[in-house]
Amino acid sequence: MLVIKPTKIRGNHYHNEFVEYFLVVQGFGVMVSRDENGKEIVFHLSKGQCLKIQKKIPHAFYAIEHTTAMAFLTKNWDKCNPPIVHEDLIQNYEEK
């Protein structure tokens, strides 16, 4: 379970070994990602919406409202080396 305060960013990483499902339980925000060609993709997510994030796809979530979300992984975090790889996808989405 993730609790993200308004204007805070969660993520800025990708996963080499698992797919992630990101479900918004409460609140509203923006998931920023990039496609295989480096083009930015923006998804507006609110309560009840779920996004499937494939392996090796960078992503970061920017909370517009106080947001509670669940992250479901297709492989045990502790069995990944490393579980995440950091990437500066967004530093402060308000500046973009």
PDB file of N, CA and C in Angstrom:
ATOM      1  N   MET A   1       0.844  -1.172   0.000  1.00  0.00           N
ATOM      2  CA  MET A   1       0.000   0.000   0.000  1.00  0.00           C
ATOM      3  C   MET A   1       0.887   1.232   0.000  1.00  0.00           C
ATOM      4  N   LEU A   2       0.533   2.184  -0.809  1.00  0.00           N
ATOM      5  CA  LEU A   2       1.282   3.427  -0.933  1.00  0.00           C
ATOM      6  C   LEU A   2       0.383   4.593  -0.561  1.00  0.00           C
ATOM      7  N   VAL A   3       0.880   5.474   0.267  1.00  0.00           N
ATOM      8  CA  VAL A   3       0.175   6.704   0.608  1.00  0.00           C
ATOM      9  C   VAL A   3       1.042   7.851   0.105  1.00  0.00           C
ATOM     10  N   ILE A   4       0.471   8.655  -0.800  1.00  0.00           N
ATOM     11  CA  ILE A   4       1.243   9.698  -1.468  1.00  0.00           C
ATOM     12  C   ILE A   4       0.553  11.040  -1.241  1.00  0.00           C
ATOM     13  N   LYS A   5       1.276  11.961  -0.629  1.00  0.00           N
ATOM     14  CA  LYS A   5       0.733  13.290  -0.344  1.00  0.00           C
ATOM     15  C   LYS A   5       0.676  14.126  -1.617  1.00  0.00           C
ATOM     16  N   PRO A   6      -0.228  15.104  -1.672  1.00  0.00           N
ATOM     17  CA  PRO A   6      -0.330  15.970  -2.853  1.00  0.00           C
ATOM     18  C   PRO A   6       1.016  16.625  -3.195  1.00  0.00           C
ATOM     19  N   THR A   7       1.312  16.690  -4.467  1.00  0.00           N
ATOM     20  CA  THR A   7       2.532  17.240  -5.087  1.00  0.00           C
ATOM     21  C   THR A   7       3.758  16.364  -4.892  1.00  0.00           C
ATOM     22  N   LYS A   8       3.620  15.198  -4.297  1.00  0.00           N
ATOM     23  CA  LYS A   8       4.764  14.300  -4.110  1.00  0.00           C
ATOM     24  C   LYS A   8       4.840  13.303  -5.259  1.00  0.00           C
ATOM     25  N   ILE A   9       6.051  12.838  -5.517  1.00  0.00           N
ATOM     26  CA  ILE A   9       6.322  11.907  -6.606  1.00  0.00           C
ATOM     27  C   ILE A   9       6.729  10.562  -6.016  1.00  0.00           C
ATOM     28  N   ARG A  10       6.181   9.512  -6.578  1.00  0.00           N
ATOM     29  CA  ARG A  10       6.530   8.155  -6.174  1.00  0.00           C
ATOM     30  C   ARG A  10       6.979   7.412  -7.421  1.00  0.00           C
ATOM     31  N   GLY A  11       8.138   6.799  -7.351  1.00  0.00           N
ATOM     32  CA  GLY A  11       8.605   6.032  -8.505  1.00  0.00           C
ATOM     33  C   GLY A  11       9.944   6.535  -9.004  1.00  0.00           C
ATOM     34  N   ASN A  12       9.947   6.995 -10.256  1.00  0.00           N
ATOM     35  CA  ASN A  12      11.191   7.350 -10.943  1.00  0.00           C
ATOM     36  C   ASN A  12      12.114   6.137 -11.031  1.00  0.00           C
ATOM     37  N   HIS A  13      11.541   5.041 -11.517  1.00  0.00           N
ATOM     38  CA  HIS A  13      12.303   3.802 -11.631  1.00  0.00           C
ATOM     39  C   HIS A  13      11.644   2.878 -12.652  1.00  0.00           C
ATOM     40  N   TYR A  14      12.303   1.746 -12.873  1.00  0.00           N
ATOM     41  CA  TYR A  14      11.713   0.668 -13.666  1.00  0.00           C
ATOM     42  C   TYR A  14      12.128  -0.652 -13.040  1.00  0.00           C
ATOM     43  N   HIS A  15      11.485  -1.722 -13.481  1.00  0.00           N
ATOM     44  CA  HIS A  15      11.731  -3.059 -12.940  1.00  0.00           C
ATOM     45  C   HIS A  15      12.210  -3.967 -14.060  1.00  0.00           C
ATOM     46  N   ASN A  16      13.313  -4.651 -13.840  1.00  0.00           N
ATOM     47  CA  ASN A  16      13.824  -5.581 -14.840  1.00  0.00           C
ATOM     48  C   ASN A  16      13.148  -6.945 -14.795  1.00  0.00           C
ATOM     49  N   GLU A  17      12.639  -7.328 -13.617  1.00  0.00           N
ATOM     50  CA  GLU A  17      12.221  -8.717 -13.436  1.00  0.00           C
ATOM     51  C   GLU A  17      10.730  -8.932 -13.210  1.00  0.00           C
ATOM     52  N   PHE A  18       9.938  -7.887 -13.100  1.00  0.00           N
ATOM     53  CA  PHE A  18       8.516  -8.112 -12.872  1.00  0.00           C
ATOM     54  C   PHE A  18       7.647  -7.015 -13.481  1.00  0.00           C
ATOM     55  N   VAL A  19       6.388  -7.377 -13.683  1.00  0.00           N
ATOM     56  CA  VAL A  19       5.342  -6.458 -14.114  1.00  0.00           C
ATOM     57  C   VAL A  19       4.701  -5.907 -12.847  1.00  0.00           C
ATOM     58  N   GLU A  20       4.320  -4.640 -12.875  1.00  0.00           N
ATOM     59  CA  GLU A  20       3.642  -4.016 -11.741  1.00  0.00           C
ATOM     60  C   GLU A  20       2.241  -3.580 -12.158  1.00  0.00           C
ATOM     61  N   TYR A  21       1.277  -3.840 -11.280  1.00  0.00           N
ATOM     62  CA  TYR A  21      -0.076  -3.321 -11.436  1.00  0.00           C
ATOM     63  C   TYR A  21      -0.253  -2.245 -10.381  1.00  0.00           C
ATOM     64  N   PHE A  22      -0.599  -1.036 -10.794  1.00  0.00           N
ATOM     65  CA  PHE A  22      -0.733   0.114  -9.897  1.00  0.00           C
ATOM     66  C   PHE A  22      -2.209   0.487  -9.849  1.00  0.00           C
ATOM     67  N   LEU A  23      -2.861   0.273  -8.697  1.00  0.00           N
ATOM     68  CA  LEU A  23      -4.291   0.510  -8.523  1.00  0.00           C
ATOM     69  C   LEU A  23      -4.513   1.687  -7.587  1.00  0.00           C
ATOM     70  N   VAL A  24      -5.234   2.693  -8.058  1.00  0.00           N
ATOM     71  CA  VAL A  24      -5.572   3.843  -7.218  1.00  0.00           C
ATOM     72  C   VAL A  24      -6.825   3.491  -6.415  1.00  0.00           C
ATOM     73  N   VAL A  25      -6.691   3.523  -5.096  1.00  0.00           N
ATOM     74  CA  VAL A  25      -7.790   3.204  -4.190  1.00  0.00           C
ATOM     75  C   VAL A  25      -8.550   4.473  -3.813  1.00  0.00           C
ATOM     76  N   GLN A  26      -7.817   5.566  -3.703  1.00  0.00           N
ATOM     77  CA  GLN A  26      -8.405   6.851  -3.308  1.00  0.00           C
ATOM     78  C   GLN A  26      -7.524   7.955  -3.876  1.00  0.00           C
ATOM     79  N   GLY A  27      -8.121   9.039  -4.327  1.00  0.00           N
ATOM     80  CA  GLY A  27      -7.345  10.178  -4.794  1.00  0.00           C
ATOM     81  C   GLY A  27      -7.236  10.262  -6.303  1.00  0.00           C
ATOM     82  N   PHE A  28      -6.276  11.067  -6.744  1.00  0.00           N
ATOM     83  CA  PHE A  28      -6.116  11.360  -8.162  1.00  0.00           C
ATOM     84  C   PHE A  28      -4.671  11.777  -8.417  1.00  0.00           C
ATOM     85  N   GLY A  29      -4.119  11.355  -9.545  1.00  0.00           N
ATOM     86  CA  GLY A  29      -2.766  11.746  -9.893  1.00  0.00           C
ATOM     87  C   GLY A  29      -2.450  11.416 -11.335  1.00  0.00           C
ATOM     88  N   VAL A  30      -1.181  11.580 -11.670  1.00  0.00           N
ATOM     89  CA  VAL A  30      -0.704  11.385 -13.031  1.00  0.00           C
ATOM     90  C   VAL A  30       0.456  10.403 -13.009  1.00  0.00           C
ATOM     91  N   MET A  31       0.345   9.363 -13.827  1.00  0.00           N
ATOM     92  CA  MET A  31       1.457   8.426 -14.012  1.00  0.00           C
ATOM     93  C   MET A  31       2.172   8.846 -15.287  1.00  0.00           C
ATOM     94  N   VAL A  32       3.465   9.088 -15.175  1.00  0.00           N
ATOM     95  CA  VAL A  32       4.276   9.484 -16.313  1.00  0.00           C
ATOM     96  C   VAL A  32       5.178   8.303 -16.661  1.00  0.00           C
ATOM     97  N   SER A  33       5.271   8.016 -17.946  1.00  0.00           N
ATOM     98  CA  SER A  33       6.084   6.904 -18.414  1.00  0.00           C
ATOM     99  C   SER A  33       6.725   7.290 -19.737  1.00  0.00           C
ATOM    100  N   ARG A  34       7.493   6.379 -20.299  1.00  0.00           N
ATOM    101  CA  ARG A  34       8.079   6.571 -21.635  1.00  0.00           C
ATOM    102  C   ARG A  34       7.891   5.297 -22.431  1.00  0.00           C
ATOM    103  N   ASP A  35       7.660   5.449 -23.710  1.00  0.00           N
ATOM    104  CA  ASP A  35       7.581   4.266 -24.559  1.00  0.00           C
ATOM    105  C   ASP A  35       8.988   3.831 -24.959  1.00  0.00           C
ATOM    106  N   GLU A  36       9.073   2.803 -25.792  1.00  0.00           N
ATOM    107  CA  GLU A  36      10.373   2.247 -26.201  1.00  0.00           C
ATOM    108  C   GLU A  36      11.246   3.248 -26.943  1.00  0.00           C
ATOM    109  N   ASN A  37      10.625   4.290 -27.528  1.00  0.00           N
ATOM    110  CA  ASN A  37      11.361   5.311 -28.279  1.00  0.00           C
ATOM    111  C   ASN A  37      11.693   6.541 -27.440  1.00  0.00           C
ATOM    112  N   GLY A  38      11.357   6.513 -26.140  1.00  0.00           N
ATOM    113  CA  GLY A  38      11.657   7.625 -25.263  1.00  0.00           C
ATOM    114  C   GLY A  38      10.588   8.705 -25.228  1.00  0.00           C
ATOM    115  N   LYS A  39       9.478   8.498 -25.937  1.00  0.00           N
ATOM    116  CA  LYS A  39       8.387   9.477 -25.949  1.00  0.00           C
ATOM    117  C   LYS A  39       7.623   9.414 -24.632  1.00  0.00           C
ATOM    118  N   GLU A  40       7.387  10.593 -24.023  1.00  0.00           N
ATOM    119  CA  GLU A  40       6.656  10.654 -22.762  1.00  0.00           C
ATOM    120  C   GLU A  40       5.187  10.296 -22.953  1.00  0.00           C
ATOM    121  N   ILE A  41       4.677   9.507 -22.017  1.00  0.00           N
ATOM    122  CA  ILE A  41       3.263   9.113 -22.004  1.00  0.00           C
ATOM    123  C   ILE A  41       2.706   9.502 -20.648  1.00  0.00           C
ATOM    124  N   VAL A  42       1.521  10.107 -20.625  1.00  0.00           N
ATOM    125  CA  VAL A  42       0.902  10.562 -19.378  1.00  0.00           C
ATOM    126  C   VAL A  42      -0.466   9.894 -19.231  1.00  0.00           C
ATOM    127  N   PHE A  43      -0.703   9.295 -18.063  1.00  0.00           N
ATOM    128  CA  PHE A  43      -1.979   8.670 -17.737  1.00  0.00           C
ATOM    129  C   PHE A  43      -2.567   9.377 -16.523  1.00  0.00           C
ATOM    130  N   HIS A  44      -3.794   9.855 -16.626  1.00  0.00           N
ATOM    131  CA  HIS A  44      -4.497  10.437 -15.476  1.00  0.00           C
ATOM    132  C   HIS A  44      -5.228   9.296 -14.785  1.00  0.00           C
ATOM    133  N   LEU A  45      -4.936   9.088 -13.498  1.00  0.00           N
ATOM    134  CA  LEU A  45      -5.521   7.973 -12.755  1.00  0.00           C
ATOM    135  C   LEU A  45      -6.301   8.470 -11.556  1.00  0.00           C
ATOM    136  N   SER A  46      -7.483   7.908 -11.350  1.00  0.00           N
ATOM    137  CA  SER A  46      -8.300   8.236 -10.186  1.00  0.00           C
ATOM    138  C   SER A  46      -8.840   6.952  -9.574  1.00  0.00           C
ATOM    139  N   LYS A  47      -9.593   7.093  -8.517  1.00  0.00           N
ATOM    140  CA  LYS A  47     -10.119   5.972  -7.749  1.00  0.00           C
ATOM    141  C   LYS A  47     -10.690   4.869  -8.645  1.00  0.00           C
ATOM    142  N   GLY A  48     -10.198   3.650  -8.422  1.00  0.00           N
ATOM    143  CA  GLY A  48     -10.691   2.490  -9.145  1.00  0.00           C
ATOM    144  C   GLY A  48      -9.947   2.164 -10.419  1.00  0.00           C
ATOM    145  N   GLN A  49      -9.044   3.029 -10.845  1.00  0.00           N
ATOM    146  CA  GLN A  49      -8.314   2.764 -12.081  1.00  0.00           C
ATOM    147  C   GLN A  49      -7.002   2.041 -11.779  1.00  0.00           C
ATOM    148  N   CYS A  50      -6.656   1.123 -12.682  1.00  0.00           N
ATOM    149  CA  CYS A  50      -5.455   0.303 -12.514  1.00  0.00           C
ATOM    150  C   CYS A  50      -4.633   0.375 -13.799  1.00  0.00           C
ATOM    151  N   LEU A  51      -3.330   0.476 -13.646  1.00  0.00           N
ATOM    152  CA  LEU A  51      -2.424   0.557 -14.788  1.00  0.00           C
ATOM    153  C   LEU A  51      -1.433  -0.599 -14.713  1.00  0.00           C
ATOM    154  N   LYS A  52      -1.244  -1.290 -15.812  1.00  0.00           N
ATOM    155  CA  LYS A  52      -0.267  -2.376 -15.907  1.00  0.00           C
ATOM    156  C   LYS A  52       1.032  -1.800 -16.458  1.00  0.00           C
ATOM    157  N   ILE A  53       2.116  -1.951 -15.701  1.00  0.00           N
ATOM    158  CA  ILE A  53       3.414  -1.405 -16.105  1.00  0.00           C
ATOM    159  C   ILE A  53       4.337  -2.575 -16.426  1.00  0.00           C
ATOM    160  N   GLN A  54       4.687  -2.686 -17.680  1.00  0.00           N
ATOM    161  CA  GLN A  54       5.520  -3.801 -18.141  1.00  0.00           C
ATOM    162  C   GLN A  54       6.955  -3.691 -17.614  1.00  0.00           C
ATOM    163  N   LYS A  55       7.683  -4.787 -17.682  1.00  0.00           N
ATOM    164  CA  LYS A  55       9.099  -4.812 -17.305  1.00  0.00           C
ATOM    165  C   LYS A  55       9.869  -3.775 -18.119  1.00  0.00           C
ATOM    166  N   LYS A  56      10.841  -3.160 -17.484  1.00  0.00           N
ATOM    167  CA  LYS A  56      11.790  -2.227 -18.119  1.00  0.00           C
ATOM    168  C   LYS A  56      11.160  -0.935 -18.636  1.00  0.00           C
ATOM    169  N   ILE A  57       9.946  -0.622 -18.194  1.00  0.00           N
ATOM    170  CA  ILE A  57       9.291   0.631 -18.592  1.00  0.00           C
ATOM    171  C   ILE A  57       9.401   1.621 -17.434  1.00  0.00           C
ATOM    172  N   PRO A  58      10.113   2.741 -17.615  1.00  0.00           N
ATOM    173  CA  PRO A  58      10.238   3.725 -16.528  1.00  0.00           C
ATOM    174  C   PRO A  58       8.890   4.360 -16.213  1.00  0.00           C
ATOM    175  N   HIS A  59       8.677   4.640 -14.923  1.00  0.00           N
ATOM    176  CA  HIS A  59       7.411   5.224 -14.505  1.00  0.00           C
ATOM    177  C   HIS A  59       7.572   6.001 -13.207  1.00  0.00           C
ATOM    178  N   ALA A  60       6.695   6.999 -13.036  1.00  0.00           N
ATOM    179  CA  ALA A  60       6.656   7.806 -11.821  1.00  0.00           C
ATOM    180  C   ALA A  60       5.224   8.318 -11.667  1.00  0.00           C
ATOM    181  N   PHE A  61       4.740   8.355 -10.433  1.00  0.00           N
ATOM    182  CA  PHE A  61       3.390   8.832 -10.149  1.00  0.00           C
ATOM    183  C   PHE A  61       3.479  10.152  -9.409  1.00  0.00           C
ATOM    184  N   TYR A  62       2.738  11.157  -9.899  1.00  0.00           N
ATOM    185  CA  TYR A  62       2.660  12.467  -9.271  1.00  0.00           C
ATOM    186  C   TYR A  62       1.254  12.616  -8.694  1.00  0.00           C
ATOM    187  N   ALA A  63       1.156  12.784  -7.367  1.00  0.00           N
ATOM    188  CA  ALA A  63      -0.144  12.895  -6.709  1.00  0.00           C
ATOM    189  C   ALA A  63      -0.672  14.322  -6.801  1.00  0.00           C
ATOM    190  N   ILE A  64      -1.845  14.468  -7.378  1.00  0.00           N
ATOM    191  CA  ILE A  64      -2.513  15.764  -7.428  1.00  0.00           C
ATOM    192  C   ILE A  64      -3.310  15.967  -6.151  1.00  0.00           C
ATOM    193  N   GLU A  65      -3.984  14.904  -5.712  1.00  0.00           N
ATOM    194  CA  GLU A  65      -4.681  14.883  -4.427  1.00  0.00           C
ATOM    195  C   GLU A  65      -3.998  13.850  -3.533  1.00  0.00           C
ATOM    196  N   HIS A  66      -4.343  13.868  -2.256  1.00  0.00           N
ATOM    197  CA  HIS A  66      -3.883  12.811  -1.353  1.00  0.00           C
ATOM    198  C   HIS A  66      -4.326  11.477  -1.968  1.00  0.00           C
ATOM    199  N   THR A  67      -3.385  10.583  -2.227  1.00  0.00           N
ATOM    200  CA  THR A  67      -3.680   9.359  -2.960  1.00  0.00           C
ATOM    201  C   THR A  67      -3.232   8.133  -2.178  1.00  0.00           C
ATOM    202  N   THR A  68      -4.104   7.140  -2.152  1.00  0.00           N
ATOM    203  CA  THR A  68      -3.761   5.823  -1.640  1.00  0.00           C
ATOM    204  C   THR A  68      -3.795   4.879  -2.829  1.00  0.00           C
ATOM    205  N   ALA A  69      -2.753   4.087  -2.975  1.00  0.00           N
ATOM    206  CA  ALA A  69      -2.672   3.157  -4.102  1.00  0.00           C
ATOM    207  C   ALA A  69      -2.109   1.822  -3.626  1.00  0.00           C
ATOM    208  N   MET A  70      -2.361   0.804  -4.415  1.00  0.00           N
ATOM    209  CA  MET A  70      -1.810  -0.523  -4.168  1.00  0.00           C
ATOM    210  C   MET A  70      -0.915  -0.879  -5.348  1.00  0.00           C
ATOM    211  N   ALA A  71       0.238  -1.446  -5.041  1.00  0.00           N
ATOM    212  CA  ALA A  71       1.139  -1.927  -6.083  1.00  0.00           C
ATOM    213  C   ALA A  71       1.202  -3.444  -5.977  1.00  0.00           C
ATOM    214  N   PHE A  72       0.870  -4.121  -7.071  1.00  0.00           N
ATOM    215  CA  PHE A  72       0.904  -5.584  -7.127  1.00  0.00           C
ATOM    216  C   PHE A  72       2.010  -5.986  -8.092  1.00  0.00           C
ATOM    217  N   LEU A  73       2.880  -6.878  -7.656  1.00  0.00           N
ATOM    218  CA  LEU A  73       4.041  -7.289  -8.442  1.00  0.00           C
ATOM    219  C   LEU A  73       3.895  -8.746  -8.865  1.00  0.00           C
ATOM    220  N   THR A  74       4.424  -9.093 -10.042  1.00  0.00           N
ATOM    221  CA  THR A  74       4.311 -10.463 -10.543  1.00  0.00           C
ATOM    222  C   THR A  74       5.469 -11.353 -10.105  1.00  0.00           C
ATOM    223  N   LYS A  75       6.385 -10.823  -9.314  1.00  0.00           N
ATOM    224  CA  LYS A  75       7.491 -11.609  -8.768  1.00  0.00           C
ATOM    225  C   LYS A  75       7.816 -11.062  -7.387  1.00  0.00           C
ATOM    226  N   ASN A  76       8.222 -11.927  -6.487  1.00  0.00           N
ATOM    227  CA  ASN A  76       8.574 -11.519  -5.138  1.00  0.00           C
ATOM    228  C   ASN A  76       9.718 -10.510  -5.171  1.00  0.00           C
ATOM    229  N   TRP A  77       9.491  -9.344  -4.550  1.00  0.00           N
ATOM    230  CA  TRP A  77      10.471  -8.256  -4.487  1.00  0.00           C
ATOM    231  C   TRP A  77      11.839  -8.748  -4.005  1.00  0.00           C
ATOM    232  N   ASP A  78      11.850  -9.588  -2.968  1.00  0.00           N
ATOM    233  CA  ASP A  78      13.094 -10.063  -2.357  1.00  0.00           C
ATOM    234  C   ASP A  78      13.884 -11.023  -3.248  1.00  0.00           C
ATOM    235  N   LYS A  79      13.272 -11.526  -4.298  1.00  0.00           N
ATOM    236  CA  LYS A  79      13.962 -12.453  -5.198  1.00  0.00           C
ATOM    237  C   LYS A  79      14.484 -11.765  -6.456  1.00  0.00           C
ATOM    238  N   CYS A  80      14.426 -10.441  -6.478  1.00  0.00           N
ATOM    239  CA  CYS A  80      14.899  -9.658  -7.620  1.00  0.00           C
ATOM    240  C   CYS A  80      16.219  -8.984  -7.272  1.00  0.00           C
ATOM    241  N   ASN A  81      17.120  -8.930  -8.253  1.00  0.00           N
ATOM    242  CA  ASN A  81      18.421  -8.307  -8.016  1.00  0.00           C
ATOM    243  C   ASN A  81      18.783  -7.410  -9.192  1.00  0.00           C
ATOM    244  N   PRO A  82      18.562  -6.117  -9.061  1.00  0.00           N
ATOM    245  CA  PRO A  82      17.880  -5.392  -7.998  1.00  0.00           C
ATOM    246  C   PRO A  82      16.382  -5.350  -8.300  1.00  0.00           C
ATOM    247  N   PRO A  83      15.534  -5.076  -7.305  1.00  0.00           N
ATOM    248  CA  PRO A  83      14.095  -5.002  -7.576  1.00  0.00           C
ATOM    249  C   PRO A  83      13.704  -3.764  -8.389  1.00  0.00           C
ATOM    250  N   ILE A  84      14.431  -2.663  -8.212  1.00  0.00           N
ATOM    251  CA  ILE A  84      14.162  -1.460  -8.997  1.00  0.00           C
ATOM    252  C   ILE A  84      15.470  -0.862  -9.486  1.00  0.00           C
ATOM    253  N   VAL A  85      15.370  -0.140 -10.591  1.00  0.00           N
ATOM    254  CA  VAL A  85      16.498   0.615 -11.130  1.00  0.00           C
ATOM    255  C   VAL A  85      16.022   2.064 -11.212  1.00  0.00           C
ATOM    256  N   HIS A  86      16.707   2.954 -10.526  1.00  0.00           N
ATOM    257  CA  HIS A  86      16.295   4.363 -10.488  1.00  0.00           C
ATOM    258  C   HIS A  86      16.565   5.060 -11.811  1.00  0.00           C
ATOM    259  N   GLU A  87      15.648   5.954 -12.151  1.00  0.00           N
ATOM    260  CA  GLU A  87      15.768   6.770 -13.349  1.00  0.00           C
ATOM    261  C   GLU A  87      15.080   8.100 -13.078  1.00  0.00           C
ATOM    262  N   ASP A  88      15.665   9.194 -13.507  1.00  0.00           N
ATOM    263  CA  ASP A  88      15.079  10.514 -13.292  1.00  0.00           C
ATOM    264  C   ASP A  88      14.066  10.827 -14.380  1.00  0.00           C
ATOM    265  N   LEU A  89      12.940  10.153 -14.308  1.00  0.00           N
ATOM    266  CA  LEU A  89      11.882  10.367 -15.281  1.00  0.00           C
ATOM    267  C   LEU A  89      11.273  11.751 -15.088  1.00  0.00           C
ATOM    268  N   ILE A  90      10.908  12.065 -13.847  1.00  0.00           N
ATOM    269  CA  ILE A  90      10.436  13.405 -13.508  1.00  0.00           C
ATOM    270  C   ILE A  90      11.011  13.766 -12.150  1.00  0.00           C
ATOM    271  N   GLN A  91      11.383  15.024 -11.976  1.00  0.00           N
ATOM    272  CA  GLN A  91      11.862  15.479 -10.683  1.00  0.00           C
ATOM    273  C   GLN A  91      10.781  16.280  -9.989  1.00  0.00           C
ATOM    274  N   ASN A  92      10.153  17.176 -10.713  1.00  0.00           N
ATOM    275  CA  ASN A  92       9.024  17.925 -10.181  1.00  0.00           C
ATOM    276  C   ASN A  92       8.104  18.198 -11.352  1.00  0.00           C
ATOM    277  N   TYR A  93       7.011  17.470 -11.430  1.00  0.00           N
ATOM    278  CA  TYR A  93       6.136  17.541 -12.592  1.00  0.00           C
ATOM    279  C   TYR A  93       5.562  18.931 -12.808  1.00  0.00           C
ATOM    280  N   GLU A  94       5.443  19.734 -11.741  1.00  0.00           N
ATOM    281  CA  GLU A  94       4.901  21.084 -11.870  1.00  0.00           C
ATOM    282  C   GLU A  94       5.800  21.969 -12.723  1.00  0.00           C
ATOM    283  N   GLU A  95       7.083  21.656 -12.801  1.00  0.00           N
ATOM    284  CA  GLU A  95       8.015  22.471 -13.576  1.00  0.00           C
ATOM    285  C   GLU A  95       7.930  22.195 -15.060  1.00  0.00           C
ATOM    286  N   LYS A  96       7.289  21.094 -15.472  1.00  0.00           N
ATOM    287  CA  LYS A  96       7.240  20.724 -16.891  1.00  0.00           C
ATOM    288  C   LYS A  96       6.249  21.549 -17.659  1.00  0.00           C
TER     289      LYS A  96
END
